[in-house]
Amino acid sequence: MTLSPKRTLQRTNRFSRDIKTLPVEVQQEAFNTAQKLCRNVSDQEFDVKPMTGLKGFYRVVISHYYRMIFSYDDLNIYLRRIAHRKDIYRNIEL
């Protein structure tokens, strides 16, 4: 069995704006999590769940209080949004 090649990270402009406002520790954990997702999106270490009503979009928990929304295909992981759990689902702009 051959492993699929590692996916490449792609950040949206919205994600880039979101992450700049977060504490450095959260930024670092988000980066580490994204790197691990590139290797294996279905890793049991993460609590990746599909988003209700948004086909093809997923969320992962970062630092207990933050959520990162992403999508992926065979070649890329697209980082869409990151915010506090109380804010991420309000007025969602992907």
PDB file of N, CA and C in Angstrom:
ATOM      1  N   MET A   1       0.846  -1.178   0.000  1.00  0.00           N
ATOM      2  CA  MET A   1       0.000   0.000   0.000  1.00  0.00           C
ATOM      3  C   MET A   1       0.891   1.240   0.000  1.00  0.00           C
ATOM      4  N   THR A   2       0.620   2.155  -0.917  1.00  0.00           N
ATOM      5  CA  THR A   2       1.402   3.377  -0.978  1.00  0.00           C
ATOM      6  C   THR A   2       0.638   4.519  -0.327  1.00  0.00           C
ATOM      7  N   LEU A   3       1.350   5.356   0.359  1.00  0.00           N
ATOM      8  CA  LEU A   3       0.738   6.518   0.991  1.00  0.00           C
ATOM      9  C   LEU A   3       0.596   7.635  -0.032  1.00  0.00           C
ATOM     10  N   SER A   4      -0.472   8.396   0.094  1.00  0.00           N
ATOM     11  CA  SER A   4      -0.632   9.539  -0.792  1.00  0.00           C
ATOM     12  C   SER A   4       0.394  10.606  -0.393  1.00  0.00           C
ATOM     13  N   PRO A   5       0.842  11.393  -1.351  1.00  0.00           N
ATOM     14  CA  PRO A   5       1.824  12.421  -1.008  1.00  0.00           C
ATOM     15  C   PRO A   5       1.226  13.451  -0.058  1.00  0.00           C
ATOM     16  N   LYS A   6       2.097  14.098   0.667  1.00  0.00           N
ATOM     17  CA  LYS A   6       1.672  15.129   1.618  1.00  0.00           C
ATOM     18  C   LYS A   6       0.977  16.269   0.872  1.00  0.00           C
ATOM     19  N   ARG A   7      -0.135  16.719   1.408  1.00  0.00           N
ATOM     20  CA  ARG A   7      -0.859  17.842   0.814  1.00  0.00           C
ATOM     21  C   ARG A   7      -0.135  19.153   1.125  1.00  0.00           C
ATOM     22  N   THR A   8      -0.412  20.168   0.328  1.00  0.00           N
ATOM     23  CA  THR A   8       0.155  21.494   0.502  1.00  0.00           C
ATOM     24  C   THR A   8      -0.856  22.384   1.209  1.00  0.00           C
ATOM     25  N   LEU A   9      -0.381  23.237   2.104  1.00  0.00           N
ATOM     26  CA  LEU A   9      -1.262  24.185   2.792  1.00  0.00           C
ATOM     27  C   LEU A   9      -1.519  25.405   1.926  1.00  0.00           C
ATOM     28  N   GLN A  10      -2.782  25.804   1.851  1.00  0.00           N
ATOM     29  CA  GLN A  10      -3.190  27.018   1.157  1.00  0.00           C
ATOM     30  C   GLN A  10      -4.037  27.823   2.131  1.00  0.00           C
ATOM     31  N   ARG A  11      -3.668  29.067   2.365  1.00  0.00           N
ATOM     32  CA  ARG A  11      -4.437  29.931   3.279  1.00  0.00           C
ATOM     33  C   ARG A  11      -5.248  30.925   2.468  1.00  0.00           C
ATOM     34  N   THR A  12      -6.490  31.117   2.871  1.00  0.00           N
ATOM     35  CA  THR A  12      -7.287  32.169   2.249  1.00  0.00           C
ATOM     36  C   THR A  12      -6.907  33.502   2.878  1.00  0.00           C
ATOM     37  N   ASN A  13      -7.254  34.581   2.217  1.00  0.00           N
ATOM     38  CA  ASN A  13      -6.993  35.908   2.780  1.00  0.00           C
ATOM     39  C   ASN A  13      -7.724  36.080   4.102  1.00  0.00           C
ATOM     40  N   ARG A  14      -8.931  35.548   4.173  1.00  0.00           N
ATOM     41  CA  ARG A  14      -9.729  35.660   5.402  1.00  0.00           C
ATOM     42  C   ARG A  14      -9.024  34.937   6.555  1.00  0.00           C
ATOM     43  N   PHE A  15      -8.507  33.747   6.302  1.00  0.00           N
ATOM     44  CA  PHE A  15      -7.777  33.000   7.329  1.00  0.00           C
ATOM     45  C   PHE A  15      -6.561  33.792   7.794  1.00  0.00           C
ATOM     46  N   SER A  16      -5.841  34.383   6.860  1.00  0.00           N
ATOM     47  CA  SER A  16      -4.649  35.167   7.205  1.00  0.00           C
ATOM     48  C   SER A  16      -5.003  36.337   8.104  1.00  0.00           C
ATOM     49  N   ARG A  17      -6.121  36.999   7.824  1.00  0.00           N
ATOM     50  CA  ARG A  17      -6.563  38.109   8.682  1.00  0.00           C
ATOM     51  C   ARG A  17      -6.980  37.591  10.051  1.00  0.00           C
ATOM     52  N   ASP A  18      -7.700  36.468  10.079  1.00  0.00           N
ATOM     53  CA  ASP A  18      -8.167  35.894  11.343  1.00  0.00           C
ATOM     54  C   ASP A  18      -7.008  35.542  12.272  1.00  0.00           C
ATOM     55  N   ILE A  19      -6.018  34.866  11.740  1.00  0.00           N
ATOM     56  CA  ILE A  19      -4.959  34.314  12.595  1.00  0.00           C
ATOM     57  C   ILE A  19      -4.064  35.403  13.181  1.00  0.00           C
ATOM     58  N   LYS A  20      -3.938  36.524  12.500  1.00  0.00           N
ATOM     59  CA  LYS A  20      -3.102  37.618  13.006  1.00  0.00           C
ATOM     60  C   LYS A  20      -3.598  38.170  14.334  1.00  0.00           C
ATOM     61  N   THR A  21      -4.890  38.049  14.600  1.00  0.00           N
ATOM     62  CA  THR A  21      -5.469  38.615  15.816  1.00  0.00           C
ATOM     63  C   THR A  21      -5.417  37.658  17.009  1.00  0.00           C
ATOM     64  N   LEU A  22      -4.970  36.433  16.795  1.00  0.00           N
ATOM     65  CA  LEU A  22      -4.978  35.418  17.858  1.00  0.00           C
ATOM     66  C   LEU A  22      -3.676  35.420  18.648  1.00  0.00           C
ATOM     67  N   PRO A  23      -3.726  34.894  19.892  1.00  0.00           N
ATOM     68  CA  PRO A  23      -2.494  34.774  20.690  1.00  0.00           C
ATOM     69  C   PRO A  23      -1.459  33.893  19.980  1.00  0.00           C
ATOM     70  N   VAL A  24      -0.201  34.165  20.215  1.00  0.00           N
ATOM     71  CA  VAL A  24       0.898  33.451  19.559  1.00  0.00           C
ATOM     72  C   VAL A  24       0.800  31.941  19.802  1.00  0.00           C
ATOM     73  N   GLU A  25       0.427  31.528  21.014  1.00  0.00           N
ATOM     74  CA  GLU A  25       0.329  30.091  21.323  1.00  0.00           C
ATOM     75  C   GLU A  25      -0.719  29.414  20.439  1.00  0.00           C
ATOM     76  N   VAL A  26      -1.828  30.093  20.209  1.00  0.00           N
ATOM     77  CA  VAL A  26      -2.894  29.546  19.365  1.00  0.00           C
ATOM     78  C   VAL A  26      -2.424  29.487  17.913  1.00  0.00           C
ATOM     79  N   GLN A  27      -1.712  30.512  17.476  1.00  0.00           N
ATOM     80  CA  GLN A  27      -1.168  30.516  16.115  1.00  0.00           C
ATOM     81  C   GLN A  27      -0.229  29.331  15.910  1.00  0.00           C
ATOM     82  N   GLN A  28       0.635  29.073  16.899  1.00  0.00           N
ATOM     83  CA  GLN A  28       1.580  27.965  16.791  1.00  0.00           C
ATOM     84  C   GLN A  28       0.865  26.621  16.762  1.00  0.00           C
ATOM     85  N   GLU A  29      -0.129  26.459  17.625  1.00  0.00           N
ATOM     86  CA  GLU A  29      -0.863  25.189  17.626  1.00  0.00           C
ATOM     87  C   GLU A  29      -1.634  24.999  16.327  1.00  0.00           C
ATOM     88  N   ALA A  30      -2.196  26.072  15.795  1.00  0.00           N
ATOM     89  CA  ALA A  30      -2.912  25.988  14.519  1.00  0.00           C
ATOM     90  C   ALA A  30      -1.957  25.556  13.404  1.00  0.00           C
ATOM     91  N   PHE A  31      -0.754  26.123  13.390  1.00  0.00           N
ATOM     92  CA  PHE A  31       0.233  25.750  12.379  1.00  0.00           C
ATOM     93  C   PHE A  31       0.626  24.286  12.519  1.00  0.00           C
ATOM     94  N   ASN A  32       0.885  23.845  13.746  1.00  0.00           N
ATOM     95  CA  ASN A  32       1.254  22.441  13.971  1.00  0.00           C
ATOM     96  C   ASN A  32       0.136  21.492  13.563  1.00  0.00           C
ATOM     97  N   THR A  33      -1.094  21.842  13.905  1.00  0.00           N
ATOM     98  CA  THR A  33      -2.235  21.011  13.537  1.00  0.00           C
ATOM     99  C   THR A  33      -2.389  20.957  12.023  1.00  0.00           C
ATOM    100  N   ALA A  34      -2.260  22.097  11.365  1.00  0.00           N
ATOM    101  CA  ALA A  34      -2.379  22.141   9.904  1.00  0.00           C
ATOM    102  C   ALA A  34      -1.310  21.275   9.241  1.00  0.00           C
ATOM    103  N   GLN A  35      -0.093  21.311   9.766  1.00  0.00           N
ATOM    104  CA  GLN A  35       0.982  20.483   9.221  1.00  0.00           C
ATOM    105  C   GLN A  35       0.650  18.996   9.355  1.00  0.00           C
ATOM    106  N   LYS A  36       0.104  18.614  10.495  1.00  0.00           N
ATOM    107  CA  LYS A  36      -0.274  17.214  10.710  1.00  0.00           C
ATOM    108  C   LYS A  36      -1.445  16.813   9.822  1.00  0.00           C
ATOM    109  N   LEU A  37      -2.383  17.736   9.602  1.00  0.00           N
ATOM    110  CA  LEU A  37      -3.513  17.448   8.711  1.00  0.00           C
ATOM    111  C   LEU A  37      -3.032  17.202   7.285  1.00  0.00           C
ATOM    112  N   CYS A  38      -1.956  17.867   6.895  1.00  0.00           N
ATOM    113  CA  CYS A  38      -1.392  17.655   5.556  1.00  0.00           C
ATOM    114  C   CYS A  38      -0.954  16.215   5.353  1.00  0.00           C
ATOM    115  N   ARG A  39      -0.484  15.609   6.414  1.00  0.00           N
ATOM    116  CA  ARG A  39      -0.030  14.227   6.329  1.00  0.00           C
ATOM    117  C   ARG A  39      -1.189  13.234   6.374  1.00  0.00           C
ATOM    118  N   ASN A  40      -2.225  13.540   7.196  1.00  0.00           N
ATOM    119  CA  ASN A  40      -3.339  12.604   7.332  1.00  0.00           C
ATOM    120  C   ASN A  40      -4.563  13.323   7.902  1.00  0.00           C
ATOM    121  N   VAL A  41      -5.495  13.657   7.046  1.00  0.00           N
ATOM    122  CA  VAL A  41      -6.693  14.387   7.458  1.00  0.00           C
ATOM    123  C   VAL A  41      -7.566  13.557   8.393  1.00  0.00           C
ATOM    124  N   SER A  42      -7.551  12.259   8.232  1.00  0.00           N
ATOM    125  CA  SER A  42      -8.427  11.402   9.039  1.00  0.00           C
ATOM    126  C   SER A  42      -7.742  10.841  10.285  1.00  0.00           C
ATOM    127  N   ASP A  43      -6.644  11.447  10.709  1.00  0.00           N
ATOM    128  CA  ASP A  43      -5.930  11.007  11.906  1.00  0.00           C
ATOM    129  C   ASP A  43      -6.856  11.090  13.122  1.00  0.00           C
ATOM    130  N   GLN A  44      -6.884  10.053  13.913  1.00  0.00           N
ATOM    131  CA  GLN A  44      -7.755   9.987  15.085  1.00  0.00           C
ATOM    132  C   GLN A  44      -7.334  10.964  16.182  1.00  0.00           C
ATOM    133  N   GLU A  45      -6.127  11.501  16.098  1.00  0.00           N
ATOM    134  CA  GLU A  45      -5.643  12.471  17.082  1.00  0.00           C
ATOM    135  C   GLU A  45      -6.504  13.740  17.075  1.00  0.00           C
ATOM    136  N   PHE A  46      -7.067  14.048  15.930  1.00  0.00           N
ATOM    137  CA  PHE A  46      -7.864  15.263  15.774  1.00  0.00           C
ATOM    138  C   PHE A  46      -9.343  14.935  15.840  1.00  0.00           C
ATOM    139  N   ASP A  47     -10.100  15.894  16.280  1.00  0.00           N
ATOM    140  CA  ASP A  47     -11.552  15.747  16.321  1.00  0.00           C
ATOM    141  C   ASP A  47     -12.127  16.460  15.095  1.00  0.00           C
ATOM    142  N   VAL A  48     -11.754  15.972  13.907  1.00  0.00           N
ATOM    143  CA  VAL A  48     -12.223  16.577  12.663  1.00  0.00           C
ATOM    144  C   VAL A  48     -13.660  16.153  12.433  1.00  0.00           C
ATOM    145  N   LYS A  49     -14.517  17.151  12.219  1.00  0.00           N
ATOM    146  CA  LYS A  49     -15.930  16.858  11.963  1.00  0.00           C
ATOM    147  C   LYS A  49     -16.401  17.667  10.763  1.00  0.00           C
ATOM    148  N   PRO A  50     -17.257  17.064   9.941  1.00  0.00           N
ATOM    149  CA  PRO A  50     -17.826  17.827   8.819  1.00  0.00           C
ATOM    150  C   PRO A  50     -18.773  18.889   9.349  1.00  0.00           C
ATOM    151  N   MET A  51     -18.826  20.018   8.656  1.00  0.00           N
ATOM    152  CA  MET A  51     -19.696  21.101   9.090  1.00  0.00           C
ATOM    153  C   MET A  51     -21.106  20.882   8.549  1.00  0.00           C
ATOM    154  N   THR A  52     -22.073  21.042   9.405  1.00  0.00           N
ATOM    155  CA  THR A  52     -23.464  20.883   9.030  1.00  0.00           C
ATOM    156  C   THR A  52     -23.869  22.000   8.069  1.00  0.00           C
ATOM    157  N   GLY A  53     -24.444  21.632   6.952  1.00  0.00           N
ATOM    158  CA  GLY A  53     -24.934  22.608   5.989  1.00  0.00           C
ATOM    159  C   GLY A  53     -23.881  23.173   5.059  1.00  0.00           C
ATOM    160  N   LEU A  54     -22.629  22.794   5.216  1.00  0.00           N
ATOM    161  CA  LEU A  54     -21.546  23.274   4.352  1.00  0.00           C
ATOM    162  C   LEU A  54     -20.777  22.069   3.821  1.00  0.00           C
ATOM    163  N   LYS A  55     -21.255  21.510   2.752  1.00  0.00           N
ATOM    164  CA  LYS A  55     -20.645  20.302   2.198  1.00  0.00           C
ATOM    165  C   LYS A  55     -19.195  20.558   1.780  1.00  0.00           C
ATOM    166  N   GLY A  56     -18.319  19.672   2.192  1.00  0.00           N
ATOM    167  CA  GLY A  56     -16.906  19.774   1.838  1.00  0.00           C
ATOM    168  C   GLY A  56     -16.077  20.613   2.792  1.00  0.00           C
ATOM    169  N   PHE A  57     -16.702  21.143   3.857  1.00  0.00           N
ATOM    170  CA  PHE A  57     -15.987  21.933   4.843  1.00  0.00           C
ATOM    171  C   PHE A  57     -15.956  21.177   6.169  1.00  0.00           C
ATOM    172  N   TYR A  58     -14.830  21.308   6.866  1.00  0.00           N
ATOM    173  CA  TYR A  58     -14.607  20.585   8.118  1.00  0.00           C
ATOM    174  C   TYR A  58     -14.102  21.550   9.172  1.00  0.00           C
ATOM    175  N   ARG A  59     -14.228  21.133  10.431  1.00  0.00           N
ATOM    176  CA  ARG A  59     -13.687  21.933  11.527  1.00  0.00           C
ATOM    177  C   ARG A  59     -12.840  21.048  12.411  1.00  0.00           C
ATOM    178  N   VAL A  60     -11.829  21.672  13.006  1.00  0.00           N
ATOM    179  CA  VAL A  60     -10.942  20.988  13.932  1.00  0.00           C
ATOM    180  C   VAL A  60     -10.740  21.908  15.131  1.00  0.00           C
ATOM    181  N   VAL A  61     -10.606  21.306  16.309  1.00  0.00           N
ATOM    182  CA  VAL A  61     -10.423  22.063  17.547  1.00  0.00           C
ATOM    183  C   VAL A  61      -8.956  22.452  17.699  1.00  0.00           C
ATOM    184  N   ILE A  62      -8.739  23.723  18.048  1.00  0.00           N
ATOM    185  CA  ILE A  62      -7.396  24.254  18.316  1.00  0.00           C
ATOM    186  C   ILE A  62      -7.423  24.849  19.722  1.00  0.00           C
ATOM    187  N   SER A  63      -6.539  24.417  20.590  1.00  0.00           N
ATOM    188  CA  SER A  63      -6.417  24.971  21.946  1.00  0.00           C
ATOM    189  C   SER A  63      -7.743  25.026  22.697  1.00  0.00           C
ATOM    190  N   HIS A  64      -8.541  24.033  22.577  1.00  0.00           N
ATOM    191  CA  HIS A  64      -9.824  23.859  23.271  1.00  0.00           C
ATOM    192  C   HIS A  64     -10.848  24.935  22.963  1.00  0.00           C
ATOM    193  N   TYR A  65     -10.458  26.198  22.867  1.00  0.00           N
ATOM    194  CA  TYR A  65     -11.416  27.288  22.697  1.00  0.00           C
ATOM    195  C   TYR A  65     -11.514  27.820  21.273  1.00  0.00           C
ATOM    196  N   TYR A  66     -10.692  27.337  20.366  1.00  0.00           N
ATOM    197  CA  TYR A  66     -10.668  27.857  19.001  1.00  0.00           C
ATOM    198  C   TYR A  66     -11.023  26.752  18.015  1.00  0.00           C
ATOM    199  N   ARG A  67     -11.586  27.172  16.880  1.00  0.00           N
ATOM    200  CA  ARG A  67     -11.941  26.241  15.822  1.00  0.00           C
ATOM    201  C   ARG A  67     -11.315  26.728  14.521  1.00  0.00           C
ATOM    202  N   MET A  68     -10.821  25.775  13.747  1.00  0.00           N
ATOM    203  CA  MET A  68     -10.262  26.083  12.437  1.00  0.00           C
ATOM    204  C   MET A  68     -11.128  25.378  11.401  1.00  0.00           C
ATOM    205  N   ILE A  69     -11.587  26.132  10.416  1.00  0.00           N
ATOM    206  CA  ILE A  69     -12.405  25.579   9.348  1.00  0.00           C
ATOM    207  C   ILE A  69     -11.521  25.402   8.123  1.00  0.00           C
ATOM    208  N   PHE A  70     -11.639  24.236   7.481  1.00  0.00           N
ATOM    209  CA  PHE A  70     -10.815  23.957   6.316  1.00  0.00           C
ATOM    210  C   PHE A  70     -11.575  23.074   5.336  1.00  0.00           C
ATOM    211  N   SER A  71     -11.050  22.990   4.140  1.00  0.00           N
ATOM    212  CA  SER A  71     -11.519  22.039   3.144  1.00  0.00           C
ATOM    213  C   SER A  71     -10.268  21.418   2.537  1.00  0.00           C
ATOM    214  N   TYR A  72     -10.434  20.369   1.773  1.00  0.00           N
ATOM    215  CA  TYR A  72      -9.261  19.735   1.179  1.00  0.00           C
ATOM    216  C   TYR A  72      -9.631  18.976  -0.083  1.00  0.00           C
ATOM    217  N   ASP A  73      -8.605  18.722  -0.887  1.00  0.00           N
ATOM    218  CA  ASP A  73      -8.724  17.852  -2.043  1.00  0.00           C
ATOM    219  C   ASP A  73      -7.488  16.954  -2.045  1.00  0.00           C
ATOM    220  N   ASP A  74      -7.216  16.299  -3.147  1.00  0.00           N
ATOM    221  CA  ASP A  74      -6.085  15.373  -3.190  1.00  0.00           C
ATOM    222  C   ASP A  74      -4.729  16.054  -3.038  1.00  0.00           C
ATOM    223  N   LEU A  75      -4.645  17.323  -3.390  1.00  0.00           N
ATOM    224  CA  LEU A  75      -3.355  18.004  -3.393  1.00  0.00           C
ATOM    225  C   LEU A  75      -3.172  19.045  -2.303  1.00  0.00           C
ATOM    226  N   ASN A  76      -4.275  19.627  -1.811  1.00  0.00           N
ATOM    227  CA  ASN A  76      -4.172  20.771  -0.913  1.00  0.00           C
ATOM    228  C   ASN A  76      -5.106  20.681   0.287  1.00  0.00           C
ATOM    229  N   ILE A  77      -4.696  21.389   1.344  1.00  0.00           N
ATOM    230  CA  ILE A  77      -5.566  21.694   2.484  1.00  0.00           C
ATOM    231  C   ILE A  77      -5.793  23.201   2.396  1.00  0.00           C
ATOM    232  N   TYR A  78      -7.046  23.621   2.357  1.00  0.00           N
ATOM    233  CA  TYR A  78      -7.393  25.030   2.255  1.00  0.00           C
ATOM    234  C   TYR A  78      -7.858  25.522   3.623  1.00  0.00           C
ATOM    235  N   LEU A  79      -7.053  26.340   4.265  1.00  0.00           N
ATOM    236  CA  LEU A  79      -7.407  26.896   5.567  1.00  0.00           C
ATOM    237  C   LEU A  79      -8.321  28.087   5.329  1.00  0.00           C
ATOM    238  N   ARG A  80      -9.556  28.000   5.838  1.00  0.00           N
ATOM    239  CA  ARG A  80     -10.583  29.001   5.516  1.00  0.00           C
ATOM    240  C   ARG A  80     -10.791  30.033   6.609  1.00  0.00           C
ATOM    241  N   ARG A  81     -10.949  29.590   7.844  1.00  0.00           N
ATOM    242  CA  ARG A  81     -11.237  30.493   8.975  1.00  0.00           C
ATOM    243  C   ARG A  81     -10.630  29.908  10.238  1.00  0.00           C
ATOM    244  N   ILE A  82     -10.346  30.792  11.195  1.00  0.00           N
ATOM    245  CA  ILE A  82      -9.982  30.374  12.546  1.00  0.00           C
ATOM    246  C   ILE A  82     -10.462  31.472  13.489  1.00  0.00           C
ATOM    247  N   ALA A  83     -11.130  31.057  14.574  1.00  0.00           N
ATOM    248  CA  ALA A  83     -11.665  32.024  15.534  1.00  0.00           C
ATOM    249  C   ALA A  83     -12.067  31.293  16.804  1.00  0.00           C
ATOM    250  N   HIS A  84     -12.409  32.069  17.806  1.00  0.00           N
ATOM    251  CA  HIS A  84     -12.906  31.522  19.061  1.00  0.00           C
ATOM    252  C   HIS A  84     -14.193  30.749  18.791  1.00  0.00           C
ATOM    253  N   ARG A  85     -14.439  29.722  19.541  1.00  0.00           N
ATOM    254  CA  ARG A  85     -15.608  28.864  19.298  1.00  0.00           C
ATOM    255  C   ARG A  85     -16.928  29.612  19.408  1.00  0.00           C
ATOM    256  N   LYS A  86     -16.989  30.675  20.204  1.00  0.00           N
ATOM    257  CA  LYS A  86     -18.247  31.426  20.327  1.00  0.00           C
ATOM    258  C   LYS A  86     -18.485  32.338  19.129  1.00  0.00           C
ATOM    259  N   ASP A  87     -17.439  32.612  18.350  1.00  0.00           N
ATOM    260  CA  ASP A  87     -17.551  33.539  17.223  1.00  0.00           C
ATOM    261  C   ASP A  87     -17.508  32.874  15.851  1.00  0.00           C
ATOM    262  N   ILE A  88     -16.914  31.713  15.743  1.00  0.00           N
ATOM    263  CA  ILE A  88     -16.608  31.124  14.427  1.00  0.00           C
ATOM    264  C   ILE A  88     -17.846  30.840  13.586  1.00  0.00           C
ATOM    265  N   TYR A  89     -18.945  30.483  14.220  1.00  0.00           N
ATOM    266  CA  TYR A  89     -20.124  30.074  13.459  1.00  0.00           C
ATOM    267  C   TYR A  89     -21.097  31.222  13.184  1.00  0.00           C
ATOM    268  N   ARG A  90     -20.826  32.402  13.742  1.00  0.00           N
ATOM    269  CA  ARG A  90     -21.666  33.574  13.480  1.00  0.00           C
ATOM    270  C   ARG A  90     -21.228  34.232  12.178  1.00  0.00           C
ATOM    271  N   ASN A  91     -22.185  34.587  11.367  1.00  0.00           N
ATOM    272  CA  ASN A  91     -21.892  35.288  10.114  1.00  0.00           C
ATOM    273  C   ASN A  91     -20.689  34.682   9.383  1.00  0.00           C
ATOM    274  N   ILE A  92     -20.759  33.386   9.181  1.00  0.00           N
ATOM    275  CA  ILE A  92     -19.620  32.678   8.605  1.00  0.00           C
ATOM    276  C   ILE A  92     -19.374  33.121   7.152  1.00  0.00           C
ATOM    277  N   GLU A  93     -18.179  33.570   6.906  1.00  0.00           N
ATOM    278  CA  GLU A  93     -17.752  33.989   5.568  1.00  0.00           C
ATOM    279  C   GLU A  93     -16.606  33.073   5.148  1.00  0.00           C
ATOM    280  N   LEU A  94     -16.833  32.286   4.152  1.00  0.00           N
ATOM    281  CA  LEU A  94     -15.777  31.398   3.689  1.00  0.00           C
ATOM    282  C   LEU A  94     -15.302  31.915   2.363  1.00  0.00           C
TER     283      LEU A  94
END
